[in-house]
Amino acid sequence: MCRYSHRMATDVLRAVTLNIWNRQGPWPQRLPLIRDGLAALEPDVVGLQEVLGFPGMPSQAHEIAEPLGWHVHHVPAWNVGGGLTFGNAILSRHPLLDAQSLPLPSPPGYDTRTAAFARVDAPHGPFPVFVTHLTYQHHMASARCQQVRALTEHLKALASTDGPPPILMGDFNADPDADEMRFLRGLTPLGGESVYFADAWLATAGQAPDAGPGWTYDRRNPYAFRSREPSRRIDYIYVRGPDRHLRGEPLSARVCLNEPVDGVWPSDHFGLFAEIQGATRPHDPF
């Protein structure tokens, strides 16, 4: 039984993405902030990036999830050395089906990138979920464009158009107006191909007159400030929806895990939380 299972099943699927910043900073103090912050959101599925795996020990994803009774799918992207790995993970209070590791093109001399995939066996599912972390260097937009093209090919192969709409989330290391993000939103073709995914934040919170920028990498966070990079919105939850049954419609989104406790921040990134229509529903009458 999941420790945090108080929320009754509804028509809504709750998703969270968070780059956990591996073990940098005060990890023993950050760990409970991440775990408790995620639990308070009562998500159906969580995507994590920068997850370290250790030889003969639980990964960081397991450290977060096991006390909550959640299921874990951890996917290393590359070997750091000595058996230490760096990668992504999917956590869920529902069973995870058909879990896979998906390769992404990575330029020579740069870190290897992958995506974690699983079907979340939610009451309205199983929903296909993809979690990724793209190449971070500012000048490597061409690599990120190749990676999002590869991601959409994986989605075509693993998420049928007549099934529950797939969710794609993670740290994309790209601003909303970058070609790789415009491609996902159906605004810029790449290689003669075009797709469409709804950006959950842009489709909901971003529509409000006082929405603000939705930054997930924010210089007011001292862990982010040390990089001296500008504040940016680079963490996303995308969904291929709504479909003809109105499944996959983004209903709400907000930045989360974005405040310190006793001077300790959960991560150098803020999280993103979204509510997505999970169950089939009738169209509104005219």
C-alpha atoms as a PDB file:
ATOM      1  CA  MET A   1       0.000   0.000   0.000  1.00  0.00           C
ATOM      2  CA  CYS A   2       1.309   3.447  -0.909  1.00  0.00           C
ATOM      3  CA  ARG A   3       1.978   5.527   2.191  1.00  0.00           C
ATOM      4  CA  TYR A   4       0.567   8.615   0.468  1.00  0.00           C
ATOM      5  CA  SER A   5      -2.679   7.366  -1.052  1.00  0.00           C
ATOM      6  CA  HIS A   6      -5.197   9.696   0.572  1.00  0.00           C
ATOM      7  CA  ARG A   7      -6.291  11.301  -2.694  1.00  0.00           C
ATOM      8  CA  MET A   8      -9.287   9.542  -4.141  1.00  0.00           C
ATOM      9  CA  ALA A   9      -9.070   8.504  -7.788  1.00  0.00           C
ATOM     10  CA  THR A  10     -10.477  11.260  -9.967  1.00  0.00           C
ATOM     11  CA  ASP A  11     -10.694  12.062 -13.639  1.00  0.00           C
ATOM     12  CA  VAL A  12      -7.413  13.972 -13.355  1.00  0.00           C
ATOM     13  CA  LEU A  13      -3.854  12.711 -13.770  1.00  0.00           C
ATOM     14  CA  ARG A  14      -1.267  14.637 -11.745  1.00  0.00           C
ATOM     15  CA  ALA A  15       2.299  14.846 -13.051  1.00  0.00           C
ATOM     16  CA  VAL A  16       5.487  16.423 -11.682  1.00  0.00           C
ATOM     17  CA  THR A  17       8.934  16.843 -13.191  1.00  0.00           C
ATOM     18  CA  LEU A  18      12.069  17.787 -11.241  1.00  0.00           C
ATOM     19  CA  ASN A  19      15.788  17.867 -11.936  1.00  0.00           C
ATOM     20  CA  ILE A  20      17.145  16.789  -8.521  1.00  0.00           C
ATOM     21  CA  TRP A  21      20.728  18.122  -9.073  1.00  0.00           C
ATOM     22  CA  ASN A  22      22.274  14.702  -8.319  1.00  0.00           C
ATOM     23  CA  ARG A  23      24.009  14.815  -4.905  1.00  0.00           C
ATOM     24  CA  GLN A  24      25.340  18.341  -5.101  1.00  0.00           C
ATOM     25  CA  GLY A  25      24.799  20.741  -2.236  1.00  0.00           C
ATOM     26  CA  PRO A  26      23.428  19.501   1.108  1.00  0.00           C
ATOM     27  CA  TRP A  27      21.861  16.284  -0.198  1.00  0.00           C
ATOM     28  CA  PRO A  28      20.994  14.819   3.245  1.00  0.00           C
ATOM     29  CA  GLN A  29      18.935  17.956   3.921  1.00  0.00           C
ATOM     30  CA  ARG A  30      17.588  18.243   0.370  1.00  0.00           C
ATOM     31  CA  LEU A  31      16.352  14.639   0.208  1.00  0.00           C
ATOM     32  CA  PRO A  32      13.484  15.021   2.717  1.00  0.00           C
ATOM     33  CA  LEU A  33      12.470  18.341   1.138  1.00  0.00           C
ATOM     34  CA  ILE A  34      12.139  16.636  -2.238  1.00  0.00           C
ATOM     35  CA  ARG A  35      10.394  13.565  -0.845  1.00  0.00           C
ATOM     36  CA  ASP A  36       7.945  15.473   1.341  1.00  0.00           C
ATOM     37  CA  GLY A  37       7.339  18.122  -1.321  1.00  0.00           C
ATOM     38  CA  LEU A  38       6.482  15.494  -3.911  1.00  0.00           C
ATOM     39  CA  ALA A  39       4.283  13.558  -1.507  1.00  0.00           C
ATOM     40  CA  ALA A  40       2.316  16.701  -0.642  1.00  0.00           C
ATOM     41  CA  LEU A  41       1.437  17.139  -4.329  1.00  0.00           C
ATOM     42  CA  GLU A  42      -0.056  13.615  -4.411  1.00  0.00           C
ATOM     43  CA  PRO A  43       1.076  12.974  -7.991  1.00  0.00           C
ATOM     44  CA  ASP A  44       0.216   9.984 -10.120  1.00  0.00           C
ATOM     45  CA  VAL A  45       3.589  10.135 -11.859  1.00  0.00           C
ATOM     46  CA  VAL A  46       6.902  11.925 -11.297  1.00  0.00           C
ATOM     47  CA  GLY A  47       9.780  12.394 -13.724  1.00  0.00           C
ATOM     48  CA  LEU A  48      13.251  12.918 -12.250  1.00  0.00           C
ATOM     49  CA  GLN A  49      16.481  13.949 -13.933  1.00  0.00           C
ATOM     50  CA  GLU A  50      20.122  13.915 -12.775  1.00  0.00           C
ATOM     51  CA  VAL A  51      19.500  10.744 -10.802  1.00  0.00           C
ATOM     52  CA  LEU A  52      22.630   9.001  -9.561  1.00  0.00           C
ATOM     53  CA  GLY A  53      22.825   5.222  -9.355  1.00  0.00           C
ATOM     54  CA  PHE A  54      25.330   3.565  -7.048  1.00  0.00           C
ATOM     55  CA  PRO A  55      26.897   0.094  -7.248  1.00  0.00           C
ATOM     56  CA  GLY A  56      25.250  -2.194  -4.716  1.00  0.00           C
ATOM     57  CA  MET A  57      23.116   0.614  -3.284  1.00  0.00           C
ATOM     58  CA  PRO A  58      19.689   2.154  -3.967  1.00  0.00           C
ATOM     59  CA  SER A  59      19.632   4.926  -6.553  1.00  0.00           C
ATOM     60  CA  GLN A  60      18.557   8.426  -5.588  1.00  0.00           C
ATOM     61  CA  ALA A  61      15.182   7.661  -7.173  1.00  0.00           C
ATOM     62  CA  HIS A  62      14.762   4.720  -4.799  1.00  0.00           C
ATOM     63  CA  GLU A  63      15.849   6.873  -1.847  1.00  0.00           C
ATOM     64  CA  ILE A  64      13.020   9.262  -2.679  1.00  0.00           C
ATOM     65  CA  ALA A  65      10.331   6.754  -3.636  1.00  0.00           C
ATOM     66  CA  GLU A  66      10.674   3.710  -1.401  1.00  0.00           C
ATOM     67  CA  PRO A  67       9.608   5.367   1.893  1.00  0.00           C
ATOM     68  CA  LEU A  68       6.471   6.523   0.037  1.00  0.00           C
ATOM     69  CA  GLY A  69       5.677   3.076  -1.310  1.00  0.00           C
ATOM     70  CA  TRP A  70       5.984   4.280  -4.895  1.00  0.00           C
ATOM     71  CA  HIS A  71       7.098   2.262  -7.904  1.00  0.00           C
ATOM     72  CA  VAL A  72      10.416   3.177  -9.579  1.00  0.00           C
ATOM     73  CA  HIS A  73      11.863   2.861 -13.075  1.00  0.00           C
ATOM     74  CA  HIS A  74      15.459   4.165 -13.074  1.00  0.00           C
ATOM     75  CA  VAL A  75      17.312   4.548 -16.383  1.00  0.00           C
ATOM     76  CA  PRO A  76      21.042   5.381 -16.381  1.00  0.00           C
ATOM     77  CA  ALA A  77      22.151   7.589 -19.258  1.00  0.00           C
ATOM     78  CA  TRP A  78      25.893   7.221 -18.830  1.00  0.00           C
ATOM     79  CA  ASN A  79      28.527   5.727 -16.565  1.00  0.00           C
ATOM     80  CA  VAL A  80      30.333   8.375 -14.558  1.00  0.00           C
ATOM     81  CA  GLY A  81      32.973   5.860 -13.416  1.00  0.00           C
ATOM     82  CA  GLY A  82      33.433   3.261 -10.719  1.00  0.00           C
ATOM     83  CA  GLY A  83      29.927   1.944 -11.263  1.00  0.00           C
ATOM     84  CA  LEU A  84      28.331   5.350 -10.644  1.00  0.00           C
ATOM     85  CA  THR A  85      25.646   6.242 -13.203  1.00  0.00           C
ATOM     86  CA  PHE A  86      23.732   9.415 -14.100  1.00  0.00           C
ATOM     87  CA  GLY A  87      20.262   9.347 -15.605  1.00  0.00           C
ATOM     88  CA  ASN A  88      16.483   9.670 -15.354  1.00  0.00           C
ATOM     89  CA  ALA A  89      13.667   7.998 -13.443  1.00  0.00           C
ATOM     90  CA  ILE A  90       9.908   7.570 -13.406  1.00  0.00           C
ATOM     91  CA  LEU A  91       8.163   7.288 -10.032  1.00  0.00           C
ATOM     92  CA  SER A  92       4.505   6.421  -9.560  1.00  0.00           C
ATOM     93  CA  ARG A  93       2.034   5.355  -6.929  1.00  0.00           C
ATOM     94  CA  HIS A  94       0.552   3.153  -9.671  1.00  0.00           C
ATOM     95  CA  PRO A  95       2.263   0.093 -11.186  1.00  0.00           C
ATOM     96  CA  LEU A  96       4.662   0.778 -14.047  1.00  0.00           C
ATOM     97  CA  LEU A  97       4.255  -1.419 -17.118  1.00  0.00           C
ATOM     98  CA  ASP A  98       6.498  -2.065 -20.140  1.00  0.00           C
ATOM     99  CA  ALA A  99       9.370  -0.041 -18.624  1.00  0.00           C
ATOM    100  CA  GLN A 100      12.149   0.696 -21.113  1.00  0.00           C
ATOM    101  CA  SER A 101      15.300   2.736 -21.662  1.00  0.00           C
ATOM    102  CA  LEU A 102      15.244   4.660 -24.947  1.00  0.00           C
ATOM    103  CA  PRO A 103      18.452   5.850 -26.640  1.00  0.00           C
ATOM    104  CA  LEU A 104      18.797   9.406 -27.914  1.00  0.00           C
ATOM    105  CA  PRO A 105      21.421  10.700 -30.352  1.00  0.00           C
ATOM    106  CA  SER A 106      24.340  12.246 -28.500  1.00  0.00           C
ATOM    107  CA  PRO A 107      27.180  14.171 -30.165  1.00  0.00           C
ATOM    108  CA  PRO A 108      30.668  12.662 -29.875  1.00  0.00           C
ATOM    109  CA  GLY A 109      32.532  13.910 -26.834  1.00  0.00           C
ATOM    110  CA  TYR A 110      29.372  14.886 -24.960  1.00  0.00           C
ATOM    111  CA  ASP A 111      27.339  13.129 -22.290  1.00  0.00           C
ATOM    112  CA  THR A 112      25.091  10.306 -23.483  1.00  0.00           C
ATOM    113  CA  ARG A 113      21.375  11.074 -23.308  1.00  0.00           C
ATOM    114  CA  THR A 114      18.425   8.718 -22.926  1.00  0.00           C
ATOM    115  CA  ALA A 115      14.738   8.750 -22.058  1.00  0.00           C
ATOM    116  CA  ALA A 116      12.913   6.628 -19.514  1.00  0.00           C
ATOM    117  CA  PHE A 117       9.628   5.135 -20.687  1.00  0.00           C
ATOM    118  CA  ALA A 118       6.834   3.320 -18.860  1.00  0.00           C
ATOM    119  CA  ARG A 119       3.079   2.967 -18.969  1.00  0.00           C
ATOM    120  CA  VAL A 120       1.545   4.267 -15.761  1.00  0.00           C
ATOM    121  CA  ASP A 121      -1.288   1.913 -14.835  1.00  0.00           C
ATOM    122  CA  ALA A 122      -3.531   4.700 -13.538  1.00  0.00           C
ATOM    123  CA  PRO A 123      -7.315   4.299 -13.241  1.00  0.00           C
ATOM    124  CA  HIS A 124      -7.737   5.950 -16.657  1.00  0.00           C
ATOM    125  CA  GLY A 125      -4.580   4.514 -18.181  1.00  0.00           C
ATOM    126  CA  PRO A 126      -2.264   2.984 -18.860  1.00  0.00           C
ATOM    127  CA  PHE A 127      -0.778   6.361 -19.782  1.00  0.00           C
ATOM    128  CA  PRO A 128       2.518   6.306 -21.734  1.00  0.00           C
ATOM    129  CA  VAL A 129       5.088   8.486 -19.941  1.00  0.00           C
ATOM    130  CA  PHE A 130       8.478   9.595 -21.270  1.00  0.00           C
ATOM    131  CA  VAL A 131      11.062  11.361 -19.081  1.00  0.00           C
ATOM    132  CA  THR A 132      14.225  12.896 -20.499  1.00  0.00           C
ATOM    133  CA  HIS A 133      17.108  15.310 -19.967  1.00  0.00           C
ATOM    134  CA  LEU A 134      18.581  16.865 -23.107  1.00  0.00           C
ATOM    135  CA  THR A 135      22.106  18.103 -23.812  1.00  0.00           C
ATOM    136  CA  TYR A 136      22.665  21.210 -21.710  1.00  0.00           C
ATOM    137  CA  GLN A 137      25.341  23.249 -23.480  1.00  0.00           C
ATOM    138  CA  HIS A 138      23.906  26.483 -24.895  1.00  0.00           C
ATOM    139  CA  HIS A 139      25.607  26.058 -28.273  1.00  0.00           C
ATOM    140  CA  MET A 140      24.280  22.502 -28.779  1.00  0.00           C
ATOM    141  CA  ALA A 141      20.816  23.368 -30.096  1.00  0.00           C
ATOM    142  CA  SER A 142      21.487  21.132 -33.095  1.00  0.00           C
ATOM    143  CA  ALA A 143      21.936  18.153 -30.757  1.00  0.00           C
ATOM    144  CA  ARG A 144      18.724  18.975 -28.903  1.00  0.00           C
ATOM    145  CA  CYS A 145      16.872  19.228 -32.210  1.00  0.00           C
ATOM    146  CA  GLN A 146      18.071  15.724 -33.099  1.00  0.00           C
ATOM    147  CA  GLN A 147      17.073  14.501 -29.650  1.00  0.00           C
ATOM    148  CA  VAL A 148      13.500  15.827 -29.818  1.00  0.00           C
ATOM    149  CA  ARG A 149      13.144  14.292 -33.285  1.00  0.00           C
ATOM    150  CA  ALA A 150      14.250  10.956 -31.838  1.00  0.00           C
ATOM    151  CA  LEU A 151      11.861  11.368 -28.911  1.00  0.00           C
ATOM    152  CA  THR A 152       8.905  11.899 -31.213  1.00  0.00           C
ATOM    153  CA  GLU A 153       9.860   8.782 -33.189  1.00  0.00           C
ATOM    154  CA  HIS A 154       9.878   6.797 -29.940  1.00  0.00           C
ATOM    155  CA  LEU A 155       6.464   8.256 -29.110  1.00  0.00           C
ATOM    156  CA  LYS A 156       5.068   7.224 -32.471  1.00  0.00           C
ATOM    157  CA  ALA A 157       6.288   3.672 -31.893  1.00  0.00           C
ATOM    158  CA  LEU A 158       5.141   3.318 -28.281  1.00  0.00           C
ATOM    159  CA  ALA A 159       2.029   5.498 -27.954  1.00  0.00           C
ATOM    160  CA  SER A 160      -0.830   4.745 -30.325  1.00  0.00           C
ATOM    161  CA  THR A 161      -3.094   7.579 -31.373  1.00  0.00           C
ATOM    162  CA  ASP A 162      -6.197   5.708 -30.158  1.00  0.00           C
ATOM    163  CA  GLY A 163      -4.812   5.046 -26.663  1.00  0.00           C
ATOM    164  CA  PRO A 164      -4.328   7.381 -23.700  1.00  0.00           C
ATOM    165  CA  PRO A 165      -2.337  10.461 -24.766  1.00  0.00           C
ATOM    166  CA  PRO A 166       1.382  10.242 -23.953  1.00  0.00           C
ATOM    167  CA  ILE A 167       3.075  12.586 -21.502  1.00  0.00           C
ATOM    168  CA  LEU A 168       6.594  13.831 -22.255  1.00  0.00           C
ATOM    169  CA  MET A 169       8.406  15.677 -19.480  1.00  0.00           C
ATOM    170  CA  GLY A 170      11.807  16.592 -18.182  1.00  0.00           C
ATOM    171  CA  ASP A 171      14.654  19.069 -18.335  1.00  0.00           C
ATOM    172  CA  PHE A 172      14.934  20.081 -21.984  1.00  0.00           C
ATOM    173  CA  ASN A 173      17.634  22.726 -21.432  1.00  0.00           C
ATOM    174  CA  ALA A 174      15.932  24.961 -23.999  1.00  0.00           C
ATOM    175  CA  ASP A 175      13.924  28.173 -23.805  1.00  0.00           C
ATOM    176  CA  PRO A 176      10.297  28.161 -25.017  1.00  0.00           C
ATOM    177  CA  ASP A 177      11.205  30.038 -28.211  1.00  0.00           C
ATOM    178  CA  ALA A 178      14.024  27.635 -29.148  1.00  0.00           C
ATOM    179  CA  ASP A 179      13.454  25.645 -32.335  1.00  0.00           C
ATOM    180  CA  GLU A 180      13.451  22.347 -30.444  1.00  0.00           C
ATOM    181  CA  MET A 181      10.598  23.538 -28.199  1.00  0.00           C
ATOM    182  CA  ARG A 182       8.727  25.222 -31.047  1.00  0.00           C
ATOM    183  CA  PHE A 183       8.941  21.896 -32.890  1.00  0.00           C
ATOM    184  CA  LEU A 184       7.182  20.099 -30.041  1.00  0.00           C
ATOM    185  CA  ARG A 185       4.459  22.770 -29.988  1.00  0.00           C
ATOM    186  CA  GLY A 186       3.818  22.416 -33.724  1.00  0.00           C
ATOM    187  CA  LEU A 187       5.301  25.795 -34.655  1.00  0.00           C
ATOM    188  CA  THR A 188       8.563  24.814 -36.364  1.00  0.00           C
ATOM    189  CA  PRO A 189       9.124  21.732 -38.551  1.00  0.00           C
ATOM    190  CA  LEU A 190      12.398  19.843 -38.224  1.00  0.00           C
ATOM    191  CA  GLY A 191      13.711  17.682 -41.031  1.00  0.00           C
ATOM    192  CA  GLY A 192      10.443  18.039 -42.896  1.00  0.00           C
ATOM    193  CA  GLU A 193       8.480  16.629 -39.953  1.00  0.00           C
ATOM    194  CA  SER A 194       5.993  18.341 -37.674  1.00  0.00           C
ATOM    195  CA  VAL A 195       4.198  17.262 -34.485  1.00  0.00           C
ATOM    196  CA  TYR A 196       2.019  18.833 -31.826  1.00  0.00           C
ATOM    197  CA  PHE A 197       2.156  18.586 -28.048  1.00  0.00           C
ATOM    198  CA  ALA A 198       0.477  20.903 -25.576  1.00  0.00           C
ATOM    199  CA  ASP A 199       2.894  22.690 -23.228  1.00  0.00           C
ATOM    200  CA  ALA A 200       1.008  22.263 -19.936  1.00  0.00           C
ATOM    201  CA  TRP A 201       2.281  25.477 -18.358  1.00  0.00           C
ATOM    202  CA  LEU A 202       1.772  27.588 -21.478  1.00  0.00           C
ATOM    203  CA  ALA A 203      -1.721  26.173 -22.050  1.00  0.00           C
ATOM    204  CA  THR A 204      -2.916  26.950 -18.519  1.00  0.00           C
ATOM    205  CA  ALA A 205      -0.987  29.170 -16.104  1.00  0.00           C
ATOM    206  CA  GLY A 206       0.784  30.927 -18.955  1.00  0.00           C
ATOM    207  CA  GLN A 207      -2.548  32.262 -20.248  1.00  0.00           C
ATOM    208  CA  ALA A 208      -3.210  34.357 -17.136  1.00  0.00           C
ATOM    209  CA  PRO A 209      -2.515  38.121 -17.422  1.00  0.00           C
ATOM    210  CA  ASP A 210      -0.321  37.950 -14.306  1.00  0.00           C
ATOM    211  CA  ALA A 211       1.272  34.609 -15.180  1.00  0.00           C
ATOM    212  CA  GLY A 212       4.900  35.649 -14.876  1.00  0.00           C
ATOM    213  CA  PRO A 213       7.677  33.870 -16.757  1.00  0.00           C
ATOM    214  CA  GLY A 214       7.297  30.421 -15.179  1.00  0.00           C
ATOM    215  CA  TRP A 215      11.040  30.104 -14.626  1.00  0.00           C
ATOM    216  CA  THR A 216      12.204  26.703 -13.425  1.00  0.00           C
ATOM    217  CA  TYR A 217      15.879  27.686 -13.325  1.00  0.00           C
ATOM    218  CA  ASP A 218      15.803  30.897 -11.315  1.00  0.00           C
ATOM    219  CA  ARG A 219      18.698  33.022 -10.092  1.00  0.00           C
ATOM    220  CA  ARG A 220      16.872  33.751  -6.840  1.00  0.00           C
ATOM    221  CA  ASN A 221      17.755  30.158  -5.956  1.00  0.00           C
ATOM    222  CA  PRO A 222      21.396  30.333  -4.778  1.00  0.00           C
ATOM    223  CA  TYR A 223      22.104  26.854  -6.128  1.00  0.00           C
ATOM    224  CA  ALA A 224      21.156  28.095  -9.604  1.00  0.00           C
ATOM    225  CA  PHE A 225      22.767  31.505  -9.153  1.00  0.00           C
ATOM    226  CA  ARG A 226      26.212  29.944  -8.759  1.00  0.00           C
ATOM    227  CA  SER A 227      26.148  28.962 -12.454  1.00  0.00           C
ATOM    228  CA  ARG A 228      25.688  32.662 -13.392  1.00  0.00           C
ATOM    229  CA  GLU A 229      23.245  31.630 -16.102  1.00  0.00           C
ATOM    230  CA  PRO A 230      20.093  33.671 -16.746  1.00  0.00           C
ATOM    231  CA  SER A 231      16.777  32.682 -15.225  1.00  0.00           C
ATOM    232  CA  ARG A 232      14.925  30.454 -17.699  1.00  0.00           C
ATOM    233  CA  ARG A 233      11.932  28.181 -18.234  1.00  0.00           C
ATOM    234  CA  ILE A 234      13.611  24.943 -19.304  1.00  0.00           C
ATOM    235  CA  ASP A 235      11.608  22.206 -17.546  1.00  0.00           C
ATOM    236  CA  TYR A 236       8.398  21.127 -19.274  1.00  0.00           C
ATOM    237  CA  ILE A 237       5.426  18.804 -19.155  1.00  0.00           C
ATOM    238  CA  TYR A 238       4.077  18.131 -22.648  1.00  0.00           C
ATOM    239  CA  VAL A 239       1.041  16.046 -23.524  1.00  0.00           C
ATOM    240  CA  ARG A 240      -0.209  14.927 -26.918  1.00  0.00           C
ATOM    241  CA  GLY A 241      -3.728  16.068 -26.312  1.00  0.00           C
ATOM    242  CA  PRO A 242      -6.521  16.616 -25.960  1.00  0.00           C
ATOM    243  CA  ASP A 243      -7.595  13.683 -28.074  1.00  0.00           C
ATOM    244  CA  ARG A 244     -11.098  13.221 -29.507  1.00  0.00           C
ATOM    245  CA  HIS A 245     -12.255  11.959 -26.096  1.00  0.00           C
ATOM    246  CA  LEU A 246     -10.762  15.091 -24.441  1.00  0.00           C
ATOM    247  CA  ARG A 247      -8.177  12.963 -22.655  1.00  0.00           C
ATOM    248  CA  GLY A 248      -4.844  14.709 -22.307  1.00  0.00           C
ATOM    249  CA  GLU A 249      -6.177  18.244 -21.937  1.00  0.00           C
ATOM    250  CA  PRO A 250      -3.901  20.293 -19.629  1.00  0.00           C
ATOM    251  CA  LEU A 251      -6.112  21.607 -16.827  1.00  0.00           C
ATOM    252  CA  SER A 252      -3.620  23.439 -14.622  1.00  0.00           C
ATOM    253  CA  ALA A 253       0.100  23.872 -14.080  1.00  0.00           C
ATOM    254  CA  ARG A 254       2.345  25.616 -11.612  1.00  0.00           C
ATOM    255  CA  VAL A 255       5.959  25.843 -10.571  1.00  0.00           C
ATOM    256  CA  CYS A 256       6.542  23.829  -7.398  1.00  0.00           C
ATOM    257  CA  LEU A 257       9.314  22.895  -4.967  1.00  0.00           C
ATOM    258  CA  ASN A 258      10.453  26.481  -5.340  1.00  0.00           C
ATOM    259  CA  GLU A 259      10.958  27.691  -1.772  1.00  0.00           C
ATOM    260  CA  PRO A 260      13.696  27.044   0.809  1.00  0.00           C
ATOM    261  CA  VAL A 261      13.251  25.526   4.251  1.00  0.00           C
ATOM    262  CA  ASP A 262      15.724  26.819   6.832  1.00  0.00           C
ATOM    263  CA  GLY A 263      17.929  28.079   4.014  1.00  0.00           C
ATOM    264  CA  VAL A 264      17.933  24.754   2.118  1.00  0.00           C
ATOM    265  CA  TRP A 265      16.348  24.537  -1.342  1.00  0.00           C
ATOM    266  CA  PRO A 266      15.094  21.213  -2.731  1.00  0.00           C
ATOM    267  CA  SER A 267      17.260  21.488  -5.878  1.00  0.00           C
ATOM    268  CA  ASP A 268      18.931  23.977  -8.200  1.00  0.00           C
ATOM    269  CA  HIS A 269      15.869  23.604 -10.464  1.00  0.00           C
ATOM    270  CA  PHE A 270      12.290  24.220  -9.454  1.00  0.00           C
ATOM    271  CA  GLY A 271       9.745  21.523 -10.189  1.00  0.00           C
ATOM    272  CA  LEU A 272       6.736  21.738 -12.474  1.00  0.00           C
ATOM    273  CA  PHE A 273       3.344  20.305 -11.501  1.00  0.00           C
ATOM    274  CA  ALA A 274       0.469  19.755 -13.938  1.00  0.00           C
ATOM    275  CA  GLU A 275      -3.035  18.349 -13.843  1.00  0.00           C
ATOM    276  CA  ILE A 276      -4.123  16.583 -17.024  1.00  0.00           C
ATOM    277  CA  GLN A 277      -7.524  15.235 -17.999  1.00  0.00           C
ATOM    278  CA  GLY A 278      -7.272  11.482 -17.620  1.00  0.00           C
ATOM    279  CA  ALA A 279     -10.736  10.088 -18.189  1.00  0.00           C
ATOM    280  CA  THR A 280     -12.905  10.327 -21.264  1.00  0.00           C
ATOM    281  CA  ARG A 281     -15.500  13.056 -20.925  1.00  0.00           C
ATOM    282  CA  PRO A 282     -18.334  14.358 -23.102  1.00  0.00           C
ATOM    283  CA  HIS A 283     -17.825  17.448 -25.184  1.00  0.00           C
ATOM    284  CA  ASP A 284     -19.364  20.628 -23.826  1.00  0.00           C
ATOM    285  CA  PRO A 285     -22.717  21.420 -25.447  1.00  0.00           C
ATOM    286  CA  PHE A 286     -22.956  24.501 -27.636  1.00  0.00           C
END
